[in-house]
């Protein structure tokens, strides 16, 4: 799934941390980084963070409840 225009980066990573399963960032080269890892979160921020927001990320979540949690965050900011 693509997530776009994330302005509250801390809340986004809090939602990632609350996920029960694996959540991965898909890089432009096709590599997958575990977003539940703090190191990977910093790498993700360094690669896509500009102007105080994340423009677009492609992420993969494997658990249905995690997908719902991420969709809820994108639509409702919670």
C-alpha atoms as a PDB file:
ATOM      1  CA  UNK A   1       0.000   0.000   0.000  1.00  0.00           C
ATOM      2  CA  UNK A   2       1.156   3.533  -0.634  1.00  0.00           C
ATOM      3  CA  UNK A   3       0.883   6.034   2.179  1.00  0.00           C
ATOM      4  CA  UNK A   4       1.097   9.707   1.348  1.00  0.00           C
ATOM      5  CA  UNK A   5       1.422  13.139   2.928  1.00  0.00           C
ATOM      6  CA  UNK A   6       2.257  12.069   6.462  1.00  0.00           C
ATOM      7  CA  UNK A   7       2.636  15.267   8.443  1.00  0.00           C
ATOM      8  CA  UNK A   8       2.735  13.720  11.937  1.00  0.00           C
ATOM      9  CA  UNK A   9       5.728  11.423  11.613  1.00  0.00           C
ATOM     10  CA  UNK A  10       5.800  10.559  15.331  1.00  0.00           C
ATOM     11  CA  UNK A  11       2.165   9.420  15.256  1.00  0.00           C
ATOM     12  CA  UNK A  12       2.835   7.384  12.101  1.00  0.00           C
ATOM     13  CA  UNK A  13       5.730   5.496  13.709  1.00  0.00           C
ATOM     14  CA  UNK A  14       3.652   5.025  16.879  1.00  0.00           C
ATOM     15  CA  UNK A  15       1.004   3.278  14.755  1.00  0.00           C
ATOM     16  CA  UNK A  16       3.759   1.135  13.180  1.00  0.00           C
ATOM     17  CA  UNK A  17       5.041   0.207  16.663  1.00  0.00           C
ATOM     18  CA  UNK A  18       1.509  -0.854  17.692  1.00  0.00           C
ATOM     19  CA  UNK A  19       1.186  -3.284  14.786  1.00  0.00           C
ATOM     20  CA  UNK A  20       1.318  -6.932  15.819  1.00  0.00           C
ATOM     21  CA  UNK A  21       2.922  -8.261  12.649  1.00  0.00           C
ATOM     22  CA  UNK A  22       5.714  -7.291  10.333  1.00  0.00           C
ATOM     23  CA  UNK A  23       5.480  -3.942   8.534  1.00  0.00           C
ATOM     24  CA  UNK A  24       8.008  -3.275   5.795  1.00  0.00           C
ATOM     25  CA  UNK A  25       9.095  -0.247   3.796  1.00  0.00           C
ATOM     26  CA  UNK A  26       9.673  -1.057   0.124  1.00  0.00           C
ATOM     27  CA  UNK A  27      12.545   1.033  -1.225  1.00  0.00           C
ATOM     28  CA  UNK A  28      12.747   2.282  -4.795  1.00  0.00           C
ATOM     29  CA  UNK A  29      15.299  -0.497  -5.429  1.00  0.00           C
ATOM     30  CA  UNK A  30      12.813  -3.124  -4.219  1.00  0.00           C
ATOM     31  CA  UNK A  31      14.535  -3.790  -0.892  1.00  0.00           C
ATOM     32  CA  UNK A  32      12.333  -4.271   2.153  1.00  0.00           C
ATOM     33  CA  UNK A  33      13.157  -2.700   5.494  1.00  0.00           C
ATOM     34  CA  UNK A  34      11.471  -3.734   8.736  1.00  0.00           C
ATOM     35  CA  UNK A  35       9.738  -0.545   9.902  1.00  0.00           C
ATOM     36  CA  UNK A  36       9.340  -1.903  13.422  1.00  0.00           C
ATOM     37  CA  UNK A  37      13.111  -1.534  13.778  1.00  0.00           C
ATOM     38  CA  UNK A  38      14.119   1.884  15.128  1.00  0.00           C
ATOM     39  CA  UNK A  39      17.212   1.839  12.908  1.00  0.00           C
ATOM     40  CA  UNK A  40      15.050   1.239   9.820  1.00  0.00           C
ATOM     41  CA  UNK A  41      12.728   4.042  10.918  1.00  0.00           C
ATOM     42  CA  UNK A  42      15.690   6.428  11.005  1.00  0.00           C
ATOM     43  CA  UNK A  43      16.847   5.223   7.593  1.00  0.00           C
ATOM     44  CA  UNK A  44      13.328   5.731   6.218  1.00  0.00           C
ATOM     45  CA  UNK A  45      13.242   9.242   7.631  1.00  0.00           C
ATOM     46  CA  UNK A  46      16.646  10.097   6.199  1.00  0.00           C
ATOM     47  CA  UNK A  47      15.605   8.920   2.729  1.00  0.00           C
ATOM     48  CA  UNK A  48      12.131  10.463   2.420  1.00  0.00           C
ATOM     49  CA  UNK A  49      11.796  13.194   5.030  1.00  0.00           C
ATOM     50  CA  UNK A  50      11.627  16.739   3.695  1.00  0.00           C
ATOM     51  CA  UNK A  51       9.723  19.889   4.593  1.00  0.00           C
ATOM     52  CA  UNK A  52       8.439  18.350   7.830  1.00  0.00           C
ATOM     53  CA  UNK A  53       6.423  15.585   6.173  1.00  0.00           C
ATOM     54  CA  UNK A  54       6.752  12.272   4.383  1.00  0.00           C
ATOM     55  CA  UNK A  55       5.471  12.652   0.834  1.00  0.00           C
ATOM     56  CA  UNK A  56       5.013   9.019  -0.185  1.00  0.00           C
ATOM     57  CA  UNK A  57       6.034   5.571   1.066  1.00  0.00           C
ATOM     58  CA  UNK A  58       5.234   2.100  -0.115  1.00  0.00           C
ATOM     59  CA  UNK A  59       4.703  -0.202   2.829  1.00  0.00           C
ATOM     60  CA  UNK A  60       3.624  -3.809   3.226  1.00  0.00           C
ATOM     61  CA  UNK A  61       1.723  -5.080   6.273  1.00  0.00           C
ATOM     62  CA  UNK A  62       0.915  -8.767   6.603  1.00  0.00           C
ATOM     63  CA  UNK A  63      -1.743  -8.882   9.318  1.00  0.00           C
ATOM     64  CA  UNK A  64      -5.306  -7.747   8.448  1.00  0.00           C
ATOM     65  CA  UNK A  65      -5.665  -5.817  11.724  1.00  0.00           C
ATOM     66  CA  UNK A  66      -2.404  -3.985  10.994  1.00  0.00           C
ATOM     67  CA  UNK A  67      -3.636  -3.047   7.521  1.00  0.00           C
ATOM     68  CA  UNK A  68      -6.844  -1.707   9.072  1.00  0.00           C
ATOM     69  CA  UNK A  69      -4.842   0.223  11.685  1.00  0.00           C
ATOM     70  CA  UNK A  70      -2.693   1.855   8.973  1.00  0.00           C
ATOM     71  CA  UNK A  71      -5.711   2.693   6.797  1.00  0.00           C
ATOM     72  CA  UNK A  72      -7.450   4.234   9.817  1.00  0.00           C
ATOM     73  CA  UNK A  73      -4.370   6.366  10.488  1.00  0.00           C
ATOM     74  CA  UNK A  74      -4.264   7.562   6.895  1.00  0.00           C
ATOM     75  CA  UNK A  75      -7.951   8.510   6.843  1.00  0.00           C
ATOM     76  CA  UNK A  76      -8.461   9.680  10.408  1.00  0.00           C
ATOM     77  CA  UNK A  77      -5.006  10.539  11.694  1.00  0.00           C
ATOM     78  CA  UNK A  78      -5.409   8.064  14.550  1.00  0.00           C
END
